[in-house]
Amino acid sequence: FYRWFPTGKVVFLAPTRPLVTQQIEACYNIMGIPEIHTAEMSGKTKQDQRGQLWEERRLFFCTPQTFQKDIEDGRCNARNVVCVVVDEAHKATGKYAYVQVIDLIEQAGGKFRVLG
């Protein structure tokens, strides 16, 4: 999706920051995507900085709660998301943030795929 949609956003979600870090390491070692196109974001990342990263970068690694907050607060334009990769997808039930972010992208009119 990164290569097929040169202006689209690809988001890797993991339920904890250590799992987010594991995803980053795996992607750098396996996929060869330039680090300049990627961003790791968490609740500890300042909101202004996250907004700027959503504008400038294409591949994101974050927790679902951070992603949800950024969509709800207008830092991330959900229509630009082309792929969401969900780690530990079995947690995507009920009102968990995984479910919420997929609903938000759909409500924004996004055309995307989910991998889990």
PDB file of N, CA and C in Angstrom:
ATOM      1  N   PHE A   1       0.824  -1.195   0.000  1.00  0.00           N
ATOM      2  CA  PHE A   1       0.000   0.000   0.000  1.00  0.00           C
ATOM      3  C   PHE A   1       0.867   1.258   0.000  1.00  0.00           C
ATOM      4  N   TYR A   2       1.998   1.175   0.668  1.00  0.00           N
ATOM      5  CA  TYR A   2       2.923   2.306   0.713  1.00  0.00           C
ATOM      6  C   TYR A   2       3.357   2.685  -0.707  1.00  0.00           C
ATOM      7  N   ARG A   3       3.657   1.697  -1.532  1.00  0.00           N
ATOM      8  CA  ARG A   3       4.113   1.978  -2.891  1.00  0.00           C
ATOM      9  C   ARG A   3       2.945   2.247  -3.841  1.00  0.00           C
ATOM     10  N   TRP A   4       1.811   1.615  -3.612  1.00  0.00           N
ATOM     11  CA  TRP A   4       0.667   1.760  -4.505  1.00  0.00           C
ATOM     12  C   TRP A   4      -0.030   3.106  -4.362  1.00  0.00           C
ATOM     13  N   PHE A   5       0.021   3.691  -3.180  1.00  0.00           N
ATOM     14  CA  PHE A   5      -0.679   4.952  -2.909  1.00  0.00           C
ATOM     15  C   PHE A   5       0.333   5.973  -2.401  1.00  0.00           C
ATOM     16  N   PRO A   6       1.028   6.652  -3.306  1.00  0.00           N
ATOM     17  CA  PRO A   6       2.136   7.529  -2.905  1.00  0.00           C
ATOM     18  C   PRO A   6       1.747   8.722  -2.031  1.00  0.00           C
ATOM     19  N   THR A   7       0.474   9.042  -1.926  1.00  0.00           N
ATOM     20  CA  THR A   7       0.072  10.132  -1.030  1.00  0.00           C
ATOM     21  C   THR A   7      -0.737   9.622   0.159  1.00  0.00           C
ATOM     22  N   GLY A   8      -0.980   8.313   0.196  1.00  0.00           N
ATOM     23  CA  GLY A   8      -1.786   7.737   1.259  1.00  0.00           C
ATOM     24  C   GLY A   8      -0.997   7.506   2.537  1.00  0.00           C
ATOM     25  N   LYS A   9      -1.722   7.361   3.631  1.00  0.00           N
ATOM     26  CA  LYS A   9      -1.139   7.108   4.943  1.00  0.00           C
ATOM     27  C   LYS A   9      -1.364   5.641   5.311  1.00  0.00           C
ATOM     28  N   VAL A  10      -0.312   4.995   5.796  1.00  0.00           N
ATOM     29  CA  VAL A  10      -0.381   3.629   6.277  1.00  0.00           C
ATOM     30  C   VAL A  10      -0.126   3.686   7.779  1.00  0.00           C
ATOM     31  N   VAL A  11      -1.000   3.047   8.551  1.00  0.00           N
ATOM     32  CA  VAL A  11      -0.906   3.130  10.005  1.00  0.00           C
ATOM     33  C   VAL A  11      -0.790   1.727  10.592  1.00  0.00           C
ATOM     34  N   PHE A  12       0.275   1.514  11.347  1.00  0.00           N
ATOM     35  CA  PHE A  12       0.471   0.281  12.100  1.00  0.00           C
ATOM     36  C   PHE A  12       0.039   0.552  13.531  1.00  0.00           C
ATOM     37  N   LEU A  13      -0.883  -0.257  14.034  1.00  0.00           N
ATOM     38  CA  LEU A  13      -1.385  -0.086  15.397  1.00  0.00           C
ATOM     39  C   LEU A  13      -1.002  -1.270  16.265  1.00  0.00           C
ATOM     40  N   ALA A  14      -0.594  -0.973  17.477  1.00  0.00           N
ATOM     41  CA  ALA A  14      -0.303  -2.009  18.466  1.00  0.00           C
ATOM     42  C   ALA A  14      -0.814  -1.518  19.814  1.00  0.00           C
ATOM     43  N   PRO A  15      -1.271  -2.422  20.675  1.00  0.00           N
ATOM     44  CA  PRO A  15      -1.917  -2.000  21.921  1.00  0.00           C
ATOM     45  C   PRO A  15      -0.983  -1.403  22.977  1.00  0.00           C
ATOM     46  N   THR A  16       0.331  -1.615  22.842  1.00  0.00           N
ATOM     47  CA  THR A  16       1.268  -1.069  23.830  1.00  0.00           C
ATOM     48  C   THR A  16       2.462  -0.440  23.124  1.00  0.00           C
ATOM     49  N   ARG A  17       3.133   0.479  23.820  1.00  0.00           N
ATOM     50  CA  ARG A  17       4.312   1.120  23.232  1.00  0.00           C
ATOM     51  C   ARG A  17       5.434   0.119  22.930  1.00  0.00           C
ATOM     52  N   PRO A  18       5.707  -0.881  23.796  1.00  0.00           N
ATOM     53  CA  PRO A  18       6.737  -1.865  23.438  1.00  0.00           C
ATOM     54  C   PRO A  18       6.412  -2.635  22.154  1.00  0.00           C
ATOM     55  N   LEU A  19       5.139  -2.947  21.940  1.00  0.00           N
ATOM     56  CA  LEU A  19       4.762  -3.630  20.699  1.00  0.00           C
ATOM     57  C   LEU A  19       4.875  -2.701  19.499  1.00  0.00           C
ATOM     58  N   VAL A  20       4.610  -1.419  19.694  1.00  0.00           N
ATOM     59  CA  VAL A  20       4.807  -0.434  18.625  1.00  0.00           C
ATOM     60  C   VAL A  20       6.282  -0.430  18.224  1.00  0.00           C
ATOM     61  N   THR A  21       7.162  -0.429  19.201  1.00  0.00           N
ATOM     62  CA  THR A  21       8.603  -0.440  18.937  1.00  0.00           C
ATOM     63  C   THR A  21       9.006  -1.700  18.172  1.00  0.00           C
ATOM     64  N   GLN A  22       8.446  -2.843  18.525  1.00  0.00           N
ATOM     65  CA  GLN A  22       8.731  -4.087  17.795  1.00  0.00           C
ATOM     66  C   GLN A  22       8.305  -3.973  16.336  1.00  0.00           C
ATOM     67  N   GLN A  23       7.159  -3.364  16.083  1.00  0.00           N
ATOM     68  CA  GLN A  23       6.683  -3.193  14.712  1.00  0.00           C
ATOM     69  C   GLN A  23       7.649  -2.336  13.905  1.00  0.00           C
ATOM     70  N   ILE A  24       8.118  -1.265  14.517  1.00  0.00           N
ATOM     71  CA  ILE A  24       9.043  -0.361  13.826  1.00  0.00           C
ATOM     72  C   ILE A  24      10.300  -1.118  13.425  1.00  0.00           C
ATOM     73  N   GLU A  25      10.878  -1.832  14.358  1.00  0.00           N
ATOM     74  CA  GLU A  25      12.110  -2.568  14.082  1.00  0.00           C
ATOM     75  C   GLU A  25      11.900  -3.585  12.968  1.00  0.00           C
ATOM     76  N   ALA A  26      10.800  -4.294  13.000  1.00  0.00           N
ATOM     77  CA  ALA A  26      10.516  -5.282  11.959  1.00  0.00           C
ATOM     78  C   ALA A  26      10.355  -4.615  10.592  1.00  0.00           C
ATOM     79  N   CYS A  27       9.671  -3.502  10.543  1.00  0.00           N
ATOM     80  CA  CYS A  27       9.445  -2.817   9.265  1.00  0.00           C
ATOM     81  C   CYS A  27      10.739  -2.261   8.683  1.00  0.00           C
ATOM     82  N   TYR A  28      11.567  -1.676   9.516  1.00  0.00           N
ATOM     83  CA  TYR A  28      12.845  -1.145   9.026  1.00  0.00           C
ATOM     84  C   TYR A  28      13.725  -2.265   8.491  1.00  0.00           C
ATOM     85  N   ASN A  29      13.740  -3.398   9.186  1.00  0.00           N
ATOM     86  CA  ASN A  29      14.617  -4.496   8.791  1.00  0.00           C
ATOM     87  C   ASN A  29      14.092  -5.283   7.604  1.00  0.00           C
ATOM     88  N   ILE A  30      12.776  -5.342   7.444  1.00  0.00           N
ATOM     89  CA  ILE A  30      12.194  -6.188   6.398  1.00  0.00           C
ATOM     90  C   ILE A  30      11.784  -5.397   5.157  1.00  0.00           C
ATOM     91  N   MET A  31      11.108  -4.279   5.340  1.00  0.00           N
ATOM     92  CA  MET A  31      10.506  -3.574   4.206  1.00  0.00           C
ATOM     93  C   MET A  31      11.401  -2.523   3.574  1.00  0.00           C
ATOM     94  N   GLY A  32      12.394  -2.041   4.273  1.00  0.00           N
ATOM     95  CA  GLY A  32      13.300  -1.057   3.702  1.00  0.00           C
ATOM     96  C   GLY A  32      12.672   0.300   3.416  1.00  0.00           C
ATOM     97  N   ILE A  33      11.666   0.681   4.151  1.00  0.00           N
ATOM     98  CA  ILE A  33      11.042   1.993   3.962  1.00  0.00           C
ATOM     99  C   ILE A  33      11.918   3.040   4.642  1.00  0.00           C
ATOM    100  N   PRO A  34      12.205   4.142   3.964  1.00  0.00           N
ATOM    101  CA  PRO A  34      13.066   5.170   4.555  1.00  0.00           C
ATOM    102  C   PRO A  34      12.479   5.731   5.854  1.00  0.00           C
ATOM    103  N   GLU A  35      13.329   5.861   6.861  1.00  0.00           N
ATOM    104  CA  GLU A  35      12.883   6.381   8.153  1.00  0.00           C
ATOM    105  C   GLU A  35      12.294   7.777   8.046  1.00  0.00           C
ATOM    106  N   ILE A  36      12.725   8.539   7.057  1.00  0.00           N
ATOM    107  CA  ILE A  36      12.224   9.918   6.904  1.00  0.00           C
ATOM    108  C   ILE A  36      10.725   9.943   6.592  1.00  0.00           C
ATOM    109  N   HIS A  37      10.180   8.822   6.112  1.00  0.00           N
ATOM    110  CA  HIS A  37       8.749   8.751   5.798  1.00  0.00           C
ATOM    111  C   HIS A  37       7.923   8.205   6.950  1.00  0.00           C
ATOM    112  N   THR A  38       8.583   7.856   8.067  1.00  0.00           N
ATOM    113  CA  THR A  38       7.879   7.197   9.154  1.00  0.00           C
ATOM    114  C   THR A  38       7.826   8.062  10.412  1.00  0.00           C
ATOM    115  N   ALA A  39       6.892   7.706  11.284  1.00  0.00           N
ATOM    116  CA  ALA A  39       6.766   8.405  12.569  1.00  0.00           C
ATOM    117  C   ALA A  39       6.246   7.443  13.616  1.00  0.00           C
ATOM    118  N   GLU A  40       6.843   7.504  14.791  1.00  0.00           N
ATOM    119  CA  GLU A  40       6.335   6.783  15.956  1.00  0.00           C
ATOM    120  C   GLU A  40       5.650   7.806  16.831  1.00  0.00           C
ATOM    121  N   MET A  41       4.395   7.532  17.180  1.00  0.00           N
ATOM    122  CA  MET A  41       3.649   8.488  17.987  1.00  0.00           C
ATOM    123  C   MET A  41       2.968   7.785  19.148  1.00  0.00           C
ATOM    124  N   SER A  42       2.947   8.483  20.261  1.00  0.00           N
ATOM    125  CA  SER A  42       2.240   7.988  21.442  1.00  0.00           C
ATOM    126  C   SER A  42       1.644   9.186  22.156  1.00  0.00           C
ATOM    127  N   GLY A  43       0.981   8.921  23.244  1.00  0.00           N
ATOM    128  CA  GLY A  43       0.423  10.002  24.039  1.00  0.00           C
ATOM    129  C   GLY A  43       1.489  10.930  24.589  1.00  0.00           C
ATOM    130  N   LYS A  44       2.736  10.455  24.622  1.00  0.00           N
ATOM    131  CA  LYS A  44       3.835  11.285  25.111  1.00  0.00           C
ATOM    132  C   LYS A  44       4.344  12.268  24.055  1.00  0.00           C
ATOM    133  N   THR A  45       3.984  12.033  22.788  1.00  0.00           N
ATOM    134  CA  THR A  45       4.372  12.944  21.714  1.00  0.00           C
ATOM    135  C   THR A  45       3.465  14.165  21.771  1.00  0.00           C
ATOM    136  N   LYS A  46       4.052  15.348  21.754  1.00  0.00           N
ATOM    137  CA  LYS A  46       3.255  16.578  21.845  1.00  0.00           C
ATOM    138  C   LYS A  46       2.256  16.656  20.700  1.00  0.00           C
ATOM    139  N   GLN A  47       1.076  17.156  21.020  1.00  0.00           N
ATOM    140  CA  GLN A  47       0.000  17.206  20.034  1.00  0.00           C
ATOM    141  C   GLN A  47       0.376  18.035  18.812  1.00  0.00           C
ATOM    142  N   ASP A  48       1.036  19.163  18.997  1.00  0.00           N
ATOM    143  CA  ASP A  48       1.452  19.986  17.852  1.00  0.00           C
ATOM    144  C   ASP A  48       2.396  19.203  16.943  1.00  0.00           C
ATOM    145  N   GLN A  49       3.307  18.465  17.560  1.00  0.00           N
ATOM    146  CA  GLN A  49       4.256  17.671  16.787  1.00  0.00           C
ATOM    147  C   GLN A  49       3.535  16.560  16.028  1.00  0.00           C
ATOM    148  N   ARG A  50       2.550  15.929  16.670  1.00  0.00           N
ATOM    149  CA  ARG A  50       1.796  14.870  15.990  1.00  0.00           C
ATOM    150  C   ARG A  50       1.056  15.431  14.776  1.00  0.00           C
ATOM    151  N   GLY A  51       0.468  16.607  14.909  1.00  0.00           N
ATOM    152  CA  GLY A  51      -0.214  17.221  13.771  1.00  0.00           C
ATOM    153  C   GLY A  51       0.721  17.459  12.606  1.00  0.00           C
ATOM    154  N   GLN A  52       1.909  17.927  12.916  1.00  0.00           N
ATOM    155  CA  GLN A  52       2.909  18.170  11.875  1.00  0.00           C
ATOM    156  C   GLN A  52       3.349  16.858  11.226  1.00  0.00           C
ATOM    157  N   LEU A  53       3.530  15.827  12.034  1.00  0.00           N
ATOM    158  CA  LEU A  53       3.918  14.526  11.489  1.00  0.00           C
ATOM    159  C   LEU A  53       2.853  13.967  10.560  1.00  0.00           C
ATOM    160  N   TRP A  54       1.574  14.129  10.917  1.00  0.00           N
ATOM    161  CA  TRP A  54       0.496  13.651  10.039  1.00  0.00           C
ATOM    162  C   TRP A  54       0.530  14.354   8.697  1.00  0.00           C
ATOM    163  N   GLU A  55       0.960  15.592   8.679  1.00  0.00           N
ATOM    164  CA  GLU A  55       1.059  16.340   7.416  1.00  0.00           C
ATOM    165  C   GLU A  55       2.250  15.884   6.575  1.00  0.00           C
ATOM    166  N   GLU A  56       3.364  15.573   7.241  1.00  0.00           N
ATOM    167  CA  GLU A  56       4.636  15.369   6.539  1.00  0.00           C
ATOM    168  C   GLU A  56       4.991  13.916   6.249  1.00  0.00           C
ATOM    169  N   ARG A  57       4.515  12.981   7.032  1.00  0.00           N
ATOM    170  CA  ARG A  57       4.955  11.589   6.921  1.00  0.00           C
ATOM    171  C   ARG A  57       3.870  10.722   6.290  1.00  0.00           C
ATOM    172  N   ARG A  58       4.264   9.465   5.969  1.00  0.00           N
ATOM    173  CA  ARG A  58       3.326   8.571   5.303  1.00  0.00           C
ATOM    174  C   ARG A  58       3.081   7.258   6.030  1.00  0.00           C
ATOM    175  N   LEU A  59       4.012   6.849   6.877  1.00  0.00           N
ATOM    176  CA  LEU A  59       3.894   5.576   7.569  1.00  0.00           C
ATOM    177  C   LEU A  59       3.980   5.830   9.066  1.00  0.00           C
ATOM    178  N   PHE A  60       2.971   5.353   9.802  1.00  0.00           N
ATOM    179  CA  PHE A  60       2.852   5.688  11.221  1.00  0.00           C
ATOM    180  C   PHE A  60       2.778   4.437  12.072  1.00  0.00           C
ATOM    181  N   PHE A  61       3.414   4.521  13.226  1.00  0.00           N
ATOM    182  CA  PHE A  61       3.392   3.453  14.215  1.00  0.00           C
ATOM    183  C   PHE A  61       2.863   4.069  15.503  1.00  0.00           C
ATOM    184  N   CYS A  62       1.732   3.575  15.987  1.00  0.00           N
ATOM    185  CA  CYS A  62       1.158   4.192  17.177  1.00  0.00           C
ATOM    186  C   CYS A  62       0.180   3.246  17.869  1.00  0.00           C
ATOM    187  N   THR A  63      -0.236   3.656  19.046  1.00  0.00           N
ATOM    188  CA  THR A  63      -1.275   2.915  19.747  1.00  0.00           C
ATOM    189  C   THR A  63      -2.629   3.347  19.169  1.00  0.00           C
ATOM    190  N   PRO A  64      -3.632   2.502  19.272  1.00  0.00           N
ATOM    191  CA  PRO A  64      -4.941   2.875  18.733  1.00  0.00           C
ATOM    192  C   PRO A  64      -5.546   4.081  19.442  1.00  0.00           C
ATOM    193  N   GLN A  65      -5.231   4.257  20.724  1.00  0.00           N
ATOM    194  CA  GLN A  65      -5.776   5.397  21.461  1.00  0.00           C
ATOM    195  C   GLN A  65      -5.226   6.715  20.920  1.00  0.00           C
ATOM    196  N   THR A  66      -3.929   6.746  20.609  1.00  0.00           N
ATOM    197  CA  THR A  66      -3.313   7.955  20.044  1.00  0.00           C
ATOM    198  C   THR A  66      -3.906   8.250  18.674  1.00  0.00           C
ATOM    199  N   PHE A  67      -4.035   7.219  17.854  1.00  0.00           N
ATOM    200  CA  PHE A  67      -4.612   7.385  16.519  1.00  0.00           C
ATOM    201  C   PHE A  67      -6.041   7.901  16.611  1.00  0.00           C
ATOM    202  N   GLN A  68      -6.831   7.321  17.485  1.00  0.00           N
ATOM    203  CA  GLN A  68      -8.216   7.751  17.671  1.00  0.00           C
ATOM    204  C   GLN A  68      -8.276   9.221  18.070  1.00  0.00           C
ATOM    205  N   LYS A  69      -7.472   9.614  19.032  1.00  0.00           N
ATOM    206  CA  LYS A  69      -7.470  11.005  19.513  1.00  0.00           C
ATOM    207  C   LYS A  69      -7.085  11.959  18.387  1.00  0.00           C
ATOM    208  N   ASP A  70      -6.102  11.574  17.580  1.00  0.00           N
ATOM    209  CA  ASP A  70      -5.665  12.447  16.489  1.00  0.00           C
ATOM    210  C   ASP A  70      -6.734  12.604  15.411  1.00  0.00           C
ATOM    211  N   ILE A  71      -7.492  11.563  15.151  1.00  0.00           N
ATOM    212  CA  ILE A  71      -8.603  11.681  14.197  1.00  0.00           C
ATOM    213  C   ILE A  71      -9.689  12.578  14.786  1.00  0.00           C
ATOM    214  N   GLU A  72     -10.074  12.297  16.020  1.00  0.00           N
ATOM    215  CA  GLU A  72     -11.155  13.065  16.659  1.00  0.00           C
ATOM    216  C   GLU A  72     -10.813  14.544  16.800  1.00  0.00           C
ATOM    217  N   ASP A  73      -9.550  14.845  17.065  1.00  0.00           N
ATOM    218  CA  ASP A  73      -9.133  16.238  17.264  1.00  0.00           C
ATOM    219  C   ASP A  73      -8.714  16.940  15.973  1.00  0.00           C
ATOM    220  N   GLY A  74      -8.809  16.243  14.828  1.00  0.00           N
ATOM    221  CA  GLY A  74      -8.524  16.864  13.540  1.00  0.00           C
ATOM    222  C   GLY A  74      -7.052  16.943  13.170  1.00  0.00           C
ATOM    223  N   ARG A  75      -6.183  16.265  13.894  1.00  0.00           N
ATOM    224  CA  ARG A  75      -4.765  16.271  13.534  1.00  0.00           C
ATOM    225  C   ARG A  75      -4.501  15.331  12.356  1.00  0.00           C
ATOM    226  N   CYS A  76      -5.292  14.278  12.257  1.00  0.00           N
ATOM    227  CA  CYS A  76      -5.156  13.301  11.172  1.00  0.00           C
ATOM    228  C   CYS A  76      -6.417  13.337  10.319  1.00  0.00           C
ATOM    229  N   ASN A  77      -6.233  13.553   9.026  1.00  0.00           N
ATOM    230  CA  ASN A  77      -7.357  13.482   8.095  1.00  0.00           C
ATOM    231  C   ASN A  77      -7.578  12.004   7.755  1.00  0.00           C
ATOM    232  N   ALA A  78      -8.599  11.414   8.317  1.00  0.00           N
ATOM    233  CA  ALA A  78      -8.846   9.980   8.169  1.00  0.00           C
ATOM    234  C   ALA A  78      -9.074   9.574   6.718  1.00  0.00           C
ATOM    235  N   ARG A  79      -9.502  10.479   5.873  1.00  0.00           N
ATOM    236  CA  ARG A  79      -9.714  10.151   4.454  1.00  0.00           C
ATOM    237  C   ARG A  79      -8.416   9.801   3.747  1.00  0.00           C
ATOM    238  N   ASN A  80      -7.279  10.227   4.296  1.00  0.00           N
ATOM    239  CA  ASN A  80      -5.984   9.953   3.676  1.00  0.00           C
ATOM    240  C   ASN A  80      -5.425   8.580   4.038  1.00  0.00           C
ATOM    241  N   VAL A  81      -6.056   7.880   4.977  1.00  0.00           N
ATOM    242  CA  VAL A  81      -5.568   6.572   5.412  1.00  0.00           C
ATOM    243  C   VAL A  81      -5.967   5.525   4.376  1.00  0.00           C
ATOM    244  N   VAL A  82      -4.975   4.780   3.873  1.00  0.00           N
ATOM    245  CA  VAL A  82      -5.241   3.751   2.866  1.00  0.00           C
ATOM    246  C   VAL A  82      -5.102   2.338   3.418  1.00  0.00           C
ATOM    247  N   CYS A  83      -4.394   2.196   4.549  1.00  0.00           N
ATOM    248  CA  CYS A  83      -4.207   0.874   5.126  1.00  0.00           C
ATOM    249  C   CYS A  83      -3.985   0.997   6.630  1.00  0.00           C
ATOM    250  N   VAL A  84      -4.646   0.125   7.383  1.00  0.00           N
ATOM    251  CA  VAL A  84      -4.450   0.042   8.830  1.00  0.00           C
ATOM    252  C   VAL A  84      -4.029  -1.393   9.141  1.00  0.00           C
ATOM    253  N   VAL A  85      -2.857  -1.528   9.756  1.00  0.00           N
ATOM    254  CA  VAL A  85      -2.349  -2.838  10.143  1.00  0.00           C
ATOM    255  C   VAL A  85      -2.550  -2.962  11.651  1.00  0.00           C
ATOM    256  N   VAL A  86      -3.304  -3.984  12.051  1.00  0.00           N
ATOM    257  CA  VAL A  86      -3.696  -4.139  13.447  1.00  0.00           C
ATOM    258  C   VAL A  86      -2.955  -5.317  14.074  1.00  0.00           C
ATOM    259  N   ASP A  87      -2.098  -5.015  15.043  1.00  0.00           N
ATOM    260  CA  ASP A  87      -1.421  -6.058  15.809  1.00  0.00           C
ATOM    261  C   ASP A  87      -2.350  -6.478  16.944  1.00  0.00           C
ATOM    262  N   GLU A  88      -2.427  -7.776  17.189  1.00  0.00           N
ATOM    263  CA  GLU A  88      -3.330  -8.327  18.199  1.00  0.00           C
ATOM    264  C   GLU A  88      -4.786  -7.973  17.884  1.00  0.00           C
ATOM    265  N   ALA A  89      -5.159  -8.262  16.647  1.00  0.00           N
ATOM    266  CA  ALA A  89      -6.490  -7.911  16.143  1.00  0.00           C
ATOM    267  C   ALA A  89      -7.619  -8.563  16.938  1.00  0.00           C
ATOM    268  N   HIS A  90      -7.320  -9.632  17.661  1.00  0.00           N
ATOM    269  CA  HIS A  90      -8.369 -10.283  18.455  1.00  0.00           C
ATOM    270  C   HIS A  90      -8.935  -9.346  19.525  1.00  0.00           C
ATOM    271  N   LYS A  91      -8.248  -8.235  19.795  1.00  0.00           N
ATOM    272  CA  LYS A  91      -8.737  -7.264  20.772  1.00  0.00           C
ATOM    273  C   LYS A  91      -9.751  -6.282  20.168  1.00  0.00           C
ATOM    274  N   ALA A  92      -9.969  -6.382  18.865  1.00  0.00           N
ATOM    275  CA  ALA A  92     -10.842  -5.436  18.169  1.00  0.00           C
ATOM    276  C   ALA A  92     -12.314  -5.819  18.357  1.00  0.00           C
ATOM    277  N   THR A  93     -12.800  -5.640  19.565  1.00  0.00           N
ATOM    278  CA  THR A  93     -14.199  -5.931  19.859  1.00  0.00           C
ATOM    279  C   THR A  93     -14.791  -4.802  20.695  1.00  0.00           C
ATOM    280  N   GLY A  94     -16.094  -4.720  20.666  1.00  0.00           N
ATOM    281  CA  GLY A  94     -16.803  -3.758  21.512  1.00  0.00           C
ATOM    282  C   GLY A  94     -16.381  -2.324  21.275  1.00  0.00           C
ATOM    283  N   LYS A  95     -16.053  -1.630  22.352  1.00  0.00           N
ATOM    284  CA  LYS A  95     -15.690  -0.221  22.258  1.00  0.00           C
ATOM    285  C   LYS A  95     -14.184   0.008  22.311  1.00  0.00           C
ATOM    286  N   TYR A  96     -13.402  -1.053  22.090  1.00  0.00           N
ATOM    287  CA  TYR A  96     -11.948  -0.906  22.094  1.00  0.00           C
ATOM    288  C   TYR A  96     -11.535   0.065  21.001  1.00  0.00           C
ATOM    289  N   ALA A  97     -10.438   0.755  21.200  1.00  0.00           N
ATOM    290  CA  ALA A  97     -10.006   1.811  20.275  1.00  0.00           C
ATOM    291  C   ALA A  97      -9.808   1.308  18.848  1.00  0.00           C
ATOM    292  N   TYR A  98      -9.424   0.039  18.653  1.00  0.00           N
ATOM    293  CA  TYR A  98      -9.309  -0.489  17.284  1.00  0.00           C
ATOM    294  C   TYR A  98     -10.625  -0.319  16.538  1.00  0.00           C
ATOM    295  N   VAL A  99     -11.706  -0.679  17.192  1.00  0.00           N
ATOM    296  CA  VAL A  99     -13.030  -0.595  16.578  1.00  0.00           C
ATOM    297  C   VAL A  99     -13.387   0.866  16.307  1.00  0.00           C
ATOM    298  N   GLN A 100     -13.092   1.718  17.255  1.00  0.00           N
ATOM    299  CA  GLN A 100     -13.421   3.141  17.130  1.00  0.00           C
ATOM    300  C   GLN A 100     -12.697   3.792  15.949  1.00  0.00           C
ATOM    301  N   VAL A 101     -11.401   3.486  15.760  1.00  0.00           N
ATOM    302  CA  VAL A 101     -10.670   4.141  14.666  1.00  0.00           C
ATOM    303  C   VAL A 101     -11.170   3.676  13.306  1.00  0.00           C
ATOM    304  N   ILE A 102     -11.524   2.408  13.192  1.00  0.00           N
ATOM    305  CA  ILE A 102     -12.063   1.928  11.913  1.00  0.00           C
ATOM    306  C   ILE A 102     -13.390   2.626  11.627  1.00  0.00           C
ATOM    307  N   ASP A 103     -14.230   2.761  12.636  1.00  0.00           N
ATOM    308  CA  ASP A 103     -15.497   3.491  12.462  1.00  0.00           C
ATOM    309  C   ASP A 103     -15.245   4.937  12.044  1.00  0.00           C
ATOM    310  N   LEU A 104     -14.275   5.593  12.662  1.00  0.00           N
ATOM    311  CA  LEU A 104     -13.974   6.994  12.335  1.00  0.00           C
ATOM    312  C   LEU A 104     -13.490   7.148  10.892  1.00  0.00           C
ATOM    313  N   ILE A 105     -12.657   6.213  10.436  1.00  0.00           N
ATOM    314  CA  ILE A 105     -12.172   6.287   9.049  1.00  0.00           C
ATOM    315  C   ILE A 105     -13.336   6.072   8.088  1.00  0.00           C
ATOM    316  N   GLU A 106     -14.197   5.113   8.386  1.00  0.00           N
ATOM    317  CA  GLU A 106     -15.374   4.879   7.538  1.00  0.00           C
ATOM    318  C   GLU A 106     -16.279   6.105   7.503  1.00  0.00           C
ATOM    319  N   GLN A 107     -16.513   6.715   8.657  1.00  0.00           N
ATOM    320  CA  GLN A 107     -17.363   7.903   8.726  1.00  0.00           C
ATOM    321  C   GLN A 107     -16.788   9.064   7.924  1.00  0.00           C
ATOM    322  N   ALA A 108     -15.458   9.131   7.845  1.00  0.00           N
ATOM    323  CA  ALA A 108     -14.805  10.206   7.084  1.00  0.00           C
ATOM    324  C   ALA A 108     -14.846   9.940   5.582  1.00  0.00           C
ATOM    325  N   GLY A 109     -15.301   8.764   5.189  1.00  0.00           N
ATOM    326  CA  GLY A 109     -15.362   8.435   3.765  1.00  0.00           C
ATOM    327  C   GLY A 109     -14.074   7.849   3.231  1.00  0.00           C
ATOM    328  N   GLY A 110     -13.229   7.346   4.116  1.00  0.00           N
ATOM    329  CA  GLY A 110     -11.955   6.774   3.693  1.00  0.00           C
ATOM    330  C   GLY A 110     -12.124   5.504   2.872  1.00  0.00           C
ATOM    331  N   LYS A 111     -11.229   5.312   1.941  1.00  0.00           N
ATOM    332  CA  LYS A 111     -11.152   4.089   1.120  1.00  0.00           C
ATOM    333  C   LYS A 111      -9.882   3.396   1.565  1.00  0.00           C
ATOM    334  N   PHE A 112     -10.007   2.311   2.331  1.00  0.00           N
ATOM    335  CA  PHE A 112      -8.858   1.721   2.983  1.00  0.00           C
ATOM    336  C   PHE A 112      -9.031   0.221   3.164  1.00  0.00           C
ATOM    337  N   ARG A 113      -7.945  -0.430   3.542  1.00  0.00           N
ATOM    338  CA  ARG A 113      -7.935  -1.846   3.877  1.00  0.00           C
ATOM    339  C   ARG A 113      -7.451  -2.007   5.298  1.00  0.00           C
ATOM    340  N   VAL A 114      -7.894  -3.082   5.937  1.00  0.00           N
ATOM    341  CA  VAL A 114      -7.452  -3.427   7.284  1.00  0.00           C
ATOM    342  C   VAL A 114      -6.762  -4.779   7.209  1.00  0.00           C
ATOM    343  N   LEU A 115      -5.570  -4.847   7.778  1.00  0.00           N
ATOM    344  CA  LEU A 115      -4.828  -6.104   7.866  1.00  0.00           C
ATOM    345  C   LEU A 115      -4.665  -6.438   9.333  1.00  0.00           C
ATOM    346  N   GLY A 116      -4.943  -7.657   9.727  1.00  0.00           N
ATOM    347  CA  GLY A 116      -4.820  -8.020  11.124  1.00  0.00           C
ATOM    348  C   GLY A 116      -4.333  -9.420  11.319  1.00  0.00           C
TER     349      GLY A 116
END
